Amino acid sequence: EAAIGNHSPFPTPKNPFPTPPPTETASLDVLEAYFQHLETVLLKIGYLYPHTAIARMEKFRRLLHRASPSPEEVKMLRGILRQTEWALQSLQKTVNDGE
């Protein structure tokens, strides 16, 4: 009887989550601008409510500070926020044009 082993045609990586090379961490000013933008968008879409925004945003701040994002990563996140705002404006324009 043959032994059963891993005979996958795809090699198994030695470390599926390699440690990335050290990168520059985004400055506090860059992060704070992101948090302000995030809060604005989350209020617009109804994820945050004015009476809970401070507590929720503190959780987002802790999360992102733990992640230590690079300036490029923060730019990517802000791009998502800008695209969300664009989509909201486009949707609103479509709704207004249909009235």
PDB file of N, CA and C in Angstrom:
ATOM      1  N   GLU A   1       0.846  -1.188   0.000  1.00  0.00           N
ATOM      2  CA  GLU A   1       0.000   0.000   0.000  1.00  0.00           C
ATOM      3  C   GLU A   1       0.886   1.244   0.000  1.00  0.00           C
ATOM      4  N   ALA A   2       0.571   2.178  -0.859  1.00  0.00           N
ATOM      5  CA  ALA A   2       1.387   3.389  -0.982  1.00  0.00           C
ATOM      6  C   ALA A   2       1.037   4.381   0.115  1.00  0.00           C
ATOM      7  N   ALA A   3       2.032   5.074   0.566  1.00  0.00           N
ATOM      8  CA  ALA A   3       1.811   6.108   1.583  1.00  0.00           C
ATOM      9  C   ALA A   3       1.121   7.301   0.930  1.00  0.00           C
ATOM     10  N   ILE A   4       0.230   7.890   1.686  1.00  0.00           N
ATOM     11  CA  ILE A   4      -0.483   9.066   1.187  1.00  0.00           C
ATOM     12  C   ILE A   4       0.311  10.294   1.602  1.00  0.00           C
ATOM     13  N   GLY A   5       0.618  11.123   0.652  1.00  0.00           N
ATOM     14  CA  GLY A   5       1.380  12.332   0.953  1.00  0.00           C
ATOM     15  C   GLY A   5       0.836  13.505   0.174  1.00  0.00           C
ATOM     16  N   ASN A   6       1.467  14.619   0.350  1.00  0.00           N
ATOM     17  CA  ASN A   6       1.057  15.828  -0.365  1.00  0.00           C
ATOM     18  C   ASN A   6       1.748  15.827  -1.717  1.00  0.00           C
ATOM     19  N   HIS A   7       1.015  15.453  -2.744  1.00  0.00           N
ATOM     20  CA  HIS A   7       1.564  15.418  -4.093  1.00  0.00           C
ATOM     21  C   HIS A   7       0.893  16.471  -4.959  1.00  0.00           C
ATOM     22  N   SER A   8       0.690  17.635  -4.400  1.00  0.00           N
ATOM     23  CA  SER A   8       0.062  18.736  -5.124  1.00  0.00           C
ATOM     24  C   SER A   8       0.976  19.187  -6.256  1.00  0.00           C
ATOM     25  N   PRO A   9       0.391  19.524  -7.398  1.00  0.00           N
ATOM     26  CA  PRO A   9       1.221  20.038  -8.492  1.00  0.00           C
ATOM     27  C   PRO A   9       1.780  21.429  -8.191  1.00  0.00           C
ATOM     28  N   PHE A  10       1.279  22.058  -7.133  1.00  0.00           N
ATOM     29  CA  PHE A  10       1.742  23.389  -6.753  1.00  0.00           C
ATOM     30  C   PHE A  10       2.630  23.272  -5.523  1.00  0.00           C
ATOM     31  N   PRO A  11       3.817  23.820  -5.570  1.00  0.00           N
ATOM     32  CA  PRO A  11       4.690  23.722  -4.396  1.00  0.00           C
ATOM     33  C   PRO A  11       4.113  24.508  -3.225  1.00  0.00           C
ATOM     34  N   THR A  12       4.286  23.970  -2.051  1.00  0.00           N
ATOM     35  CA  THR A  12       3.817  24.634  -0.841  1.00  0.00           C
ATOM     36  C   THR A  12       4.866  25.655  -0.423  1.00  0.00           C
ATOM     37  N   PRO A  13       4.462  26.914  -0.257  1.00  0.00           N
ATOM     38  CA  PRO A  13       5.456  27.909   0.158  1.00  0.00           C
ATOM     39  C   PRO A  13       5.951  27.605   1.563  1.00  0.00           C
ATOM     40  N   LYS A  14       7.222  27.876   1.799  1.00  0.00           N
ATOM     41  CA  LYS A  14       7.801  27.621   3.119  1.00  0.00           C
ATOM     42  C   LYS A  14       7.155  28.513   4.179  1.00  0.00           C
ATOM     43  N   ASN A  15       6.889  29.762   3.818  1.00  0.00           N
ATOM     44  CA  ASN A  15       6.248  30.693   4.745  1.00  0.00           C
ATOM     45  C   ASN A  15       5.176  31.443   3.963  1.00  0.00           C
ATOM     46  N   PRO A  16       3.902  31.039   4.119  1.00  0.00           N
ATOM     47  CA  PRO A  16       2.850  31.691   3.332  1.00  0.00           C
ATOM     48  C   PRO A  16       2.650  33.166   3.680  1.00  0.00           C
ATOM     49  N   PHE A  17       3.143  33.599   4.821  1.00  0.00           N
ATOM     50  CA  PHE A  17       3.010  34.999   5.237  1.00  0.00           C
ATOM     51  C   PHE A  17       4.393  35.570   5.537  1.00  0.00           C
ATOM     52  N   PRO A  18       5.190  35.775   4.499  1.00  0.00           N
ATOM     53  CA  PRO A  18       6.544  36.279   4.748  1.00  0.00           C
ATOM     54  C   PRO A  18       6.510  37.677   5.343  1.00  0.00           C
ATOM     55  N   THR A  19       7.494  37.963   6.139  1.00  0.00           N
ATOM     56  CA  THR A  19       7.601  39.283   6.743  1.00  0.00           C
ATOM     57  C   THR A  19       8.051  40.269   5.674  1.00  0.00           C
ATOM     58  N   PRO A  20       7.249  41.312   5.449  1.00  0.00           N
ATOM     59  CA  PRO A  20       7.641  42.281   4.425  1.00  0.00           C
ATOM     60  C   PRO A  20       8.861  43.072   4.882  1.00  0.00           C
ATOM     61  N   PRO A  21       9.592  43.614   3.940  1.00  0.00           N
ATOM     62  CA  PRO A  21      10.734  44.443   4.334  1.00  0.00           C
ATOM     63  C   PRO A  21      10.239  45.677   5.076  1.00  0.00           C
ATOM     64  N   PRO A  22      11.032  46.199   5.988  1.00  0.00           N
ATOM     65  CA  PRO A  22      10.592  47.386   6.734  1.00  0.00           C
ATOM     66  C   PRO A  22      10.325  48.547   5.783  1.00  0.00           C
ATOM     67  N   THR A  23       9.244  49.251   6.062  1.00  0.00           N
ATOM     68  CA  THR A  23       8.888  50.402   5.240  1.00  0.00           C
ATOM     69  C   THR A  23       8.686  51.609   6.138  1.00  0.00           C
ATOM     70  N   GLU A  24       8.633  52.749   5.514  1.00  0.00           N
ATOM     71  CA  GLU A  24       8.372  53.990   6.231  1.00  0.00           C
ATOM     72  C   GLU A  24       6.932  53.973   6.735  1.00  0.00           C
ATOM     73  N   THR A  25       6.726  54.415   7.948  1.00  0.00           N
ATOM     74  CA  THR A  25       5.388  54.501   8.520  1.00  0.00           C
ATOM     75  C   THR A  25       4.820  55.893   8.252  1.00  0.00           C
ATOM     76  N   ALA A  26       3.537  55.943   7.939  1.00  0.00           N
ATOM     77  CA  ALA A  26       2.881  57.225   7.675  1.00  0.00           C
ATOM     78  C   ALA A  26       2.988  58.131   8.898  1.00  0.00           C
ATOM     79  N   SER A  27       3.149  59.417   8.653  1.00  0.00           N
ATOM     80  CA  SER A  27       3.255  60.385   9.748  1.00  0.00           C
ATOM     81  C   SER A  27       1.908  60.534  10.455  1.00  0.00           C
ATOM     82  N   LEU A  28       1.965  61.074  11.657  1.00  0.00           N
ATOM     83  CA  LEU A  28       0.728  61.305  12.410  1.00  0.00           C
ATOM     84  C   LEU A  28      -0.182  62.292  11.687  1.00  0.00           C
ATOM     85  N   ASP A  29       0.396  63.278  11.010  1.00  0.00           N
ATOM     86  CA  ASP A  29      -0.420  64.238  10.248  1.00  0.00           C
ATOM     87  C   ASP A  29      -1.168  63.546   9.118  1.00  0.00           C
ATOM     88  N   VAL A  30      -0.480  62.640   8.417  1.00  0.00           N
ATOM     89  CA  VAL A  30      -1.108  61.899   7.316  1.00  0.00           C
ATOM     90  C   VAL A  30      -2.224  61.016   7.860  1.00  0.00           C
ATOM     91  N   LEU A  31      -1.954  60.342   8.971  1.00  0.00           N
ATOM     92  CA  LEU A  31      -2.978  59.482   9.572  1.00  0.00           C
ATOM     93  C   LEU A  31      -4.169  60.299  10.056  1.00  0.00           C
ATOM     94  N   GLU A  32      -3.909  61.434  10.677  1.00  0.00           N
ATOM     95  CA  GLU A  32      -5.011  62.251  11.194  1.00  0.00           C
ATOM     96  C   GLU A  32      -5.883  62.767  10.056  1.00  0.00           C
ATOM     97  N   ALA A  33      -5.270  63.159   8.952  1.00  0.00           N
ATOM     98  CA  ALA A  33      -6.052  63.592   7.786  1.00  0.00           C
ATOM     99  C   ALA A  33      -6.913  62.438   7.282  1.00  0.00           C
ATOM    100  N   TYR A  34      -6.358  61.230   7.287  1.00  0.00           N
ATOM    101  CA  TYR A  34      -7.130  60.053   6.872  1.00  0.00           C
ATOM    102  C   TYR A  34      -8.311  59.838   7.824  1.00  0.00           C
ATOM    103  N   PHE A  35      -8.062  59.926   9.128  1.00  0.00           N
ATOM    104  CA  PHE A  35      -9.144  59.696  10.091  1.00  0.00           C
ATOM    105  C   PHE A  35     -10.262  60.722   9.932  1.00  0.00           C
ATOM    106  N   GLN A  36      -9.914  61.971   9.667  1.00  0.00           N
ATOM    107  CA  GLN A  36     -10.937  62.998   9.447  1.00  0.00           C
ATOM    108  C   GLN A  36     -11.764  62.667   8.205  1.00  0.00           C
ATOM    109  N   HIS A  37     -11.083  62.248   7.148  1.00  0.00           N
ATOM    110  CA  HIS A  37     -11.762  61.883   5.902  1.00  0.00           C
ATOM    111  C   HIS A  37     -12.654  60.662   6.140  1.00  0.00           C
ATOM    112  N   LEU A  38     -12.118  59.663   6.844  1.00  0.00           N
ATOM    113  CA  LEU A  38     -12.881  58.448   7.142  1.00  0.00           C
ATOM    114  C   LEU A  38     -14.140  58.784   7.934  1.00  0.00           C
ATOM    115  N   GLU A  39     -14.004  59.607   8.953  1.00  0.00           N
ATOM    116  CA  GLU A  39     -15.161  59.970   9.773  1.00  0.00           C
ATOM    117  C   GLU A  39     -16.228  60.669   8.931  1.00  0.00           C
ATOM    118  N   THR A  40     -15.810  61.582   8.072  1.00  0.00           N
ATOM    119  CA  THR A  40     -16.756  62.291   7.203  1.00  0.00           C
ATOM    120  C   THR A  40     -17.534  61.318   6.329  1.00  0.00           C
ATOM    121  N   VAL A  41     -16.816  60.394   5.693  1.00  0.00           N
ATOM    122  CA  VAL A  41     -17.470  59.434   4.800  1.00  0.00           C
ATOM    123  C   VAL A  41     -18.373  58.489   5.589  1.00  0.00           C
ATOM    124  N   LEU A  42     -17.909  58.008   6.723  1.00  0.00           N
ATOM    125  CA  LEU A  42     -18.718  57.073   7.511  1.00  0.00           C
ATOM    126  C   LEU A  42     -19.982  57.734   8.059  1.00  0.00           C
ATOM    127  N   LEU A  43     -19.921  59.018   8.350  1.00  0.00           N
ATOM    128  CA  LEU A  43     -21.132  59.744   8.747  1.00  0.00           C
ATOM    129  C   LEU A  43     -22.084  59.870   7.559  1.00  0.00           C
ATOM    130  N   LYS A  44     -21.540  60.166   6.369  1.00  0.00           N
ATOM    131  CA  LYS A  44     -22.377  60.313   5.168  1.00  0.00           C
ATOM    132  C   LYS A  44     -23.131  59.035   4.831  1.00  0.00           C
ATOM    133  N   ILE A  45     -22.458  57.889   4.978  1.00  0.00           N
ATOM    134  CA  ILE A  45     -23.096  56.629   4.581  1.00  0.00           C
ATOM    135  C   ILE A  45     -23.911  56.008   5.710  1.00  0.00           C
ATOM    136  N   GLY A  46     -23.917  56.640   6.879  1.00  0.00           N
ATOM    137  CA  GLY A  46     -24.734  56.152   7.979  1.00  0.00           C
ATOM    138  C   GLY A  46     -24.102  55.055   8.813  1.00  0.00           C
ATOM    139  N   TYR A  47     -22.803  54.798   8.619  1.00  0.00           N
ATOM    140  CA  TYR A  47     -22.129  53.805   9.465  1.00  0.00           C
ATOM    141  C   TYR A  47     -21.888  54.385  10.851  1.00  0.00           C
ATOM    142  N   LEU A  48     -21.533  55.659  10.884  1.00  0.00           N
ATOM    143  CA  LEU A  48     -21.360  56.356  12.159  1.00  0.00           C
ATOM    144  C   LEU A  48     -22.557  57.263  12.396  1.00  0.00           C
ATOM    145  N   TYR A  49     -22.861  57.449  13.654  1.00  0.00           N
ATOM    146  CA  TYR A  49     -23.867  58.423  14.065  1.00  0.00           C
ATOM    147  C   TYR A  49     -23.143  59.463  14.905  1.00  0.00           C
ATOM    148  N   PRO A  50     -23.577  60.714  14.849  1.00  0.00           N
ATOM    149  CA  PRO A  50     -22.870  61.757  15.591  1.00  0.00           C
ATOM    150  C   PRO A  50     -22.637  61.416  17.065  1.00  0.00           C
ATOM    151  N   HIS A  51     -23.605  60.763  17.709  1.00  0.00           N
ATOM    152  CA  HIS A  51     -23.462  60.481  19.139  1.00  0.00           C
ATOM    153  C   HIS A  51     -22.527  59.308  19.435  1.00  0.00           C
ATOM    154  N   THR A  52     -22.150  58.516  18.435  1.00  0.00           N
ATOM    155  CA  THR A  52     -21.231  57.391  18.662  1.00  0.00           C
ATOM    156  C   THR A  52     -19.919  57.552  17.895  1.00  0.00           C
ATOM    157  N   ALA A  53     -19.787  58.632  17.134  1.00  0.00           N
ATOM    158  CA  ALA A  53     -18.623  58.793  16.250  1.00  0.00           C
ATOM    159  C   ALA A  53     -17.299  58.800  17.009  1.00  0.00           C
ATOM    160  N   ILE A  54     -17.234  59.482  18.126  1.00  0.00           N
ATOM    161  CA  ILE A  54     -15.965  59.592  18.852  1.00  0.00           C
ATOM    162  C   ILE A  54     -15.476  58.218  19.294  1.00  0.00           C
ATOM    163  N   ALA A  55     -16.341  57.418  19.892  1.00  0.00           N
ATOM    164  CA  ALA A  55     -15.938  56.089  20.373  1.00  0.00           C
ATOM    165  C   ALA A  55     -15.559  55.167  19.217  1.00  0.00           C
ATOM    166  N   ARG A  56     -16.351  55.183  18.161  1.00  0.00           N
ATOM    167  CA  ARG A  56     -16.049  54.320  17.008  1.00  0.00           C
ATOM    168  C   ARG A  56     -14.742  54.728  16.342  1.00  0.00           C
ATOM    169  N   MET A  57     -14.541  56.025  16.183  1.00  0.00           N
ATOM    170  CA  MET A  57     -13.320  56.488  15.522  1.00  0.00           C
ATOM    171  C   MET A  57     -12.090  56.155  16.361  1.00  0.00           C
ATOM    172  N   GLU A  58     -12.231  56.139  17.668  1.00  0.00           N
ATOM    173  CA  GLU A  58     -11.107  55.746  18.522  1.00  0.00           C
ATOM    174  C   GLU A  58     -10.705  54.298  18.227  1.00  0.00           C
ATOM    175  N   LYS A  59     -11.681  53.443  17.973  1.00  0.00           N
ATOM    176  CA  LYS A  59     -11.379  52.047  17.620  1.00  0.00           C
ATOM    177  C   LYS A  59     -10.655  51.972  16.281  1.00  0.00           C
ATOM    178  N   PHE A  60     -11.083  52.782  15.312  1.00  0.00           N
ATOM    179  CA  PHE A  60     -10.385  52.818  14.023  1.00  0.00           C
ATOM    180  C   PHE A  60      -8.956  53.328  14.196  1.00  0.00           C
ATOM    181  N   ARG A  61      -8.789  54.336  15.060  1.00  0.00           N
ATOM    182  CA  ARG A  61      -7.446  54.874  15.299  1.00  0.00           C
ATOM    183  C   ARG A  61      -6.533  53.805  15.895  1.00  0.00           C
ATOM    184  N   ARG A  62      -7.020  53.078  16.890  1.00  0.00           N
ATOM    185  CA  ARG A  62      -6.205  52.018  17.500  1.00  0.00           C
ATOM    186  C   ARG A  62      -5.830  50.961  16.472  1.00  0.00           C
ATOM    187  N   LEU A  63      -6.797  50.559  15.670  1.00  0.00           N
ATOM    188  CA  LEU A  63      -6.555  49.545  14.644  1.00  0.00           C
ATOM    189  C   LEU A  63      -5.466  49.992  13.670  1.00  0.00           C
ATOM    190  N   LEU A  64      -5.596  51.196  13.155  1.00  0.00           N
ATOM    191  CA  LEU A  64      -4.638  51.643  12.149  1.00  0.00           C
ATOM    192  C   LEU A  64      -3.266  51.929  12.749  1.00  0.00           C
ATOM    193  N   HIS A  65      -3.209  52.417  13.969  1.00  0.00           N
ATOM    194  CA  HIS A  65      -1.906  52.637  14.606  1.00  0.00           C
ATOM    195  C   HIS A  65      -1.193  51.306  14.829  1.00  0.00           C
ATOM    196  N   ARG A  66      -1.932  50.266  15.175  1.00  0.00           N
ATOM    197  CA  ARG A  66      -1.322  48.933  15.321  1.00  0.00           C
ATOM    198  C   ARG A  66      -0.767  48.439  13.993  1.00  0.00           C
ATOM    199  N   ALA A  67      -1.459  48.757  12.906  1.00  0.00           N
ATOM    200  CA  ALA A  67      -1.041  48.292  11.582  1.00  0.00           C
ATOM    201  C   ALA A  67       0.195  49.037  11.076  1.00  0.00           C
ATOM    202  N   SER A  68       0.470  50.218  11.597  1.00  0.00           N
ATOM    203  CA  SER A  68       1.604  51.038  11.158  1.00  0.00           C
ATOM    204  C   SER A  68       1.687  51.142   9.636  1.00  0.00           C
ATOM    205  N   PRO A  69       0.639  51.678   8.995  1.00  0.00           N
ATOM    206  CA  PRO A  69       0.634  51.724   7.530  1.00  0.00           C
ATOM    207  C   PRO A  69       1.686  52.687   6.973  1.00  0.00           C
ATOM    208  N   SER A  70       2.127  52.376   5.777  1.00  0.00           N
ATOM    209  CA  SER A  70       3.063  53.255   5.069  1.00  0.00           C
ATOM    210  C   SER A  70       2.270  54.407   4.446  1.00  0.00           C
ATOM    211  N   PRO A  71       2.958  55.454   4.026  1.00  0.00           N
ATOM    212  CA  PRO A  71       2.248  56.544   3.340  1.00  0.00           C
ATOM    213  C   PRO A  71       1.481  56.048   2.113  1.00  0.00           C
ATOM    214  N   GLU A  72       2.054  55.102   1.378  1.00  0.00           N
ATOM    215  CA  GLU A  72       1.384  54.565   0.189  1.00  0.00           C
ATOM    216  C   GLU A  72       0.109  53.816   0.567  1.00  0.00           C
ATOM    217  N   GLU A  73       0.147  53.094   1.679  1.00  0.00           N
ATOM    218  CA  GLU A  73      -1.043  52.364   2.120  1.00  0.00           C
ATOM    219  C   GLU A  73      -2.149  53.325   2.544  1.00  0.00           C
ATOM    220  N   VAL A  74      -1.779  54.422   3.201  1.00  0.00           N
ATOM    221  CA  VAL A  74      -2.780  55.420   3.586  1.00  0.00           C
ATOM    222  C   VAL A  74      -3.366  56.071   2.332  1.00  0.00           C
ATOM    223  N   LYS A  75      -2.530  56.313   1.323  1.00  0.00           N
ATOM    224  CA  LYS A  75      -3.041  56.865   0.057  1.00  0.00           C
ATOM    225  C   LYS A  75      -4.058  55.917  -0.560  1.00  0.00           C
ATOM    226  N   MET A  76      -3.782  54.618  -0.493  1.00  0.00           N
ATOM    227  CA  MET A  76      -4.708  53.628  -1.038  1.00  0.00           C
ATOM    228  C   MET A  76      -6.045  53.682  -0.289  1.00  0.00           C
ATOM    229  N   LEU A  77      -5.990  53.754   1.032  1.00  0.00           N
ATOM    230  CA  LEU A  77      -7.213  53.830   1.834  1.00  0.00           C
ATOM    231  C   LEU A  77      -7.987  55.115   1.534  1.00  0.00           C
ATOM    232  N   ARG A  78      -7.276  56.223   1.370  1.00  0.00           N
ATOM    233  CA  ARG A  78      -7.956  57.480   1.041  1.00  0.00           C
ATOM    234  C   ARG A  78      -8.573  57.417  -0.346  1.00  0.00           C
ATOM    235  N   GLY A  79      -7.934  56.686  -1.254  1.00  0.00           N
ATOM    236  CA  GLY A  79      -8.504  56.495  -2.584  1.00  0.00           C
ATOM    237  C   GLY A  79      -9.846  55.791  -2.516  1.00  0.00           C
ATOM    238  N   ILE A  80      -9.961  54.826  -1.613  1.00  0.00           N
ATOM    239  CA  ILE A  80     -11.243  54.136  -1.415  1.00  0.00           C
ATOM    240  C   ILE A  80     -12.292  55.134  -0.932  1.00  0.00           C
ATOM    241  N   LEU A  81     -11.905  56.008  -0.010  1.00  0.00           N
ATOM    242  CA  LEU A  81     -12.847  57.010   0.501  1.00  0.00           C
ATOM    243  C   LEU A  81     -13.269  57.980  -0.598  1.00  0.00           C
ATOM    244  N   ARG A  82     -12.308  58.426  -1.415  1.00  0.00           N
ATOM    245  CA  ARG A  82     -12.653  59.340  -2.514  1.00  0.00           C
ATOM    246  C   ARG A  82     -13.598  58.668  -3.502  1.00  0.00           C
ATOM    247  N   GLN A  83     -13.343  57.399  -3.800  1.00  0.00           N
ATOM    248  CA  GLN A  83     -14.209  56.681  -4.735  1.00  0.00           C
ATOM    249  C   GLN A  83     -15.610  56.507  -4.143  1.00  0.00           C
ATOM    250  N   THR A  84     -15.682  56.268  -2.842  1.00  0.00           N
ATOM    251  CA  THR A  84     -16.976  56.147  -2.166  1.00  0.00           C
ATOM    252  C   THR A  84     -17.742  57.463  -2.264  1.00  0.00           C
ATOM    253  N   GLU A  85     -17.045  58.579  -2.021  1.00  0.00           N
ATOM    254  CA  GLU A  85     -17.704  59.885  -2.137  1.00  0.00           C
ATOM    255  C   GLU A  85     -18.172  60.136  -3.569  1.00  0.00           C
ATOM    256  N   TRP A  86     -17.346  59.774  -4.551  1.00  0.00           N
ATOM    257  CA  TRP A  86     -17.730  59.949  -5.947  1.00  0.00           C
ATOM    258  C   TRP A  86     -18.978  59.127  -6.256  1.00  0.00           C
ATOM    259  N   ALA A  87     -19.012  57.875  -5.777  1.00  0.00           N
ATOM    260  CA  ALA A  87     -20.167  57.011  -6.028  1.00  0.00           C
ATOM    261  C   ALA A  87     -21.425  57.588  -5.382  1.00  0.00           C
ATOM    262  N   LEU A  88     -21.295  58.125  -4.177  1.00  0.00           N
ATOM    263  CA  LEU A  88     -22.448  58.740  -3.512  1.00  0.00           C
ATOM    264  C   LEU A  88     -22.960  59.943  -4.303  1.00  0.00           C
ATOM    265  N   GLN A  89     -22.040  60.775  -4.782  1.00  0.00           N
ATOM    266  CA  GLN A  89     -22.441  61.948  -5.566  1.00  0.00           C
ATOM    267  C   GLN A  89     -23.093  61.529  -6.874  1.00  0.00           C
ATOM    268  N   SER A  90     -22.541  60.504  -7.526  1.00  0.00           N
ATOM    269  CA  SER A  90     -23.117  60.018  -8.789  1.00  0.00           C
ATOM    270  C   SER A  90     -24.510  59.459  -8.567  1.00  0.00           C
ATOM    271  N   LEU A  91     -24.680  58.721  -7.485  1.00  0.00           N
ATOM    272  CA  LEU A  91     -25.984  58.152  -7.160  1.00  0.00           C
ATOM    273  C   LEU A  91     -26.990  59.264  -6.876  1.00  0.00           C
ATOM    274  N   GLN A  92     -26.564  60.257  -6.106  1.00  0.00           N
ATOM    275  CA  GLN A  92     -27.455  61.374  -5.783  1.00  0.00           C
ATOM    276  C   GLN A  92     -27.851  62.126  -7.045  1.00  0.00           C
ATOM    277  N   LYS A  93     -26.896  62.327  -7.961  1.00  0.00           N
ATOM    278  CA  LYS A  93     -27.187  63.015  -9.215  1.00  0.00           C
ATOM    279  C   LYS A  93     -28.190  62.209 -10.032  1.00  0.00           C
ATOM    280  N   THR A  94     -28.014  60.891 -10.073  1.00  0.00           N
ATOM    281  CA  THR A  94     -28.935  60.023 -10.808  1.00  0.00           C
ATOM    282  C   THR A  94     -30.336  60.109 -10.219  1.00  0.00           C
ATOM    283  N   VAL A  95     -30.417  60.096  -8.895  1.00  0.00           N
ATOM    284  CA  VAL A  95     -31.715  60.191  -8.219  1.00  0.00           C
ATOM    285  C   VAL A  95     -32.352  61.545  -8.516  1.00  0.00           C
ATOM    286  N   ASN A  96     -31.570  62.615  -8.429  1.00  0.00           N
ATOM    287  CA  ASN A  96     -32.101  63.962  -8.682  1.00  0.00           C
ATOM    288  C   ASN A  96     -32.527  64.139 -10.130  1.00  0.00           C
ATOM    289  N   ASP A  97     -31.779  63.561 -11.069  1.00  0.00           N
ATOM    290  CA  ASP A  97     -32.130  63.668 -12.488  1.00  0.00           C
ATOM    291  C   ASP A  97     -33.407  62.904 -12.806  1.00  0.00           C
ATOM    292  N   GLY A  98     -33.707  61.891 -12.021  1.00  0.00           N
ATOM    293  CA  GLY A  98     -34.893  61.079 -12.262  1.00  0.00           C
ATOM    294  C   GLY A  98     -36.160  61.671 -11.685  1.00  0.00           C
ATOM    295  N   GLU A  99     -36.035  62.707 -10.911  1.00  0.00           N
ATOM    296  CA  GLU A  99     -37.222  63.309 -10.282  1.00  0.00           C
ATOM    297  C   GLU A  99     -37.929  64.252 -11.201  1.00  0.00           C
TER     298      GLU A  99
END
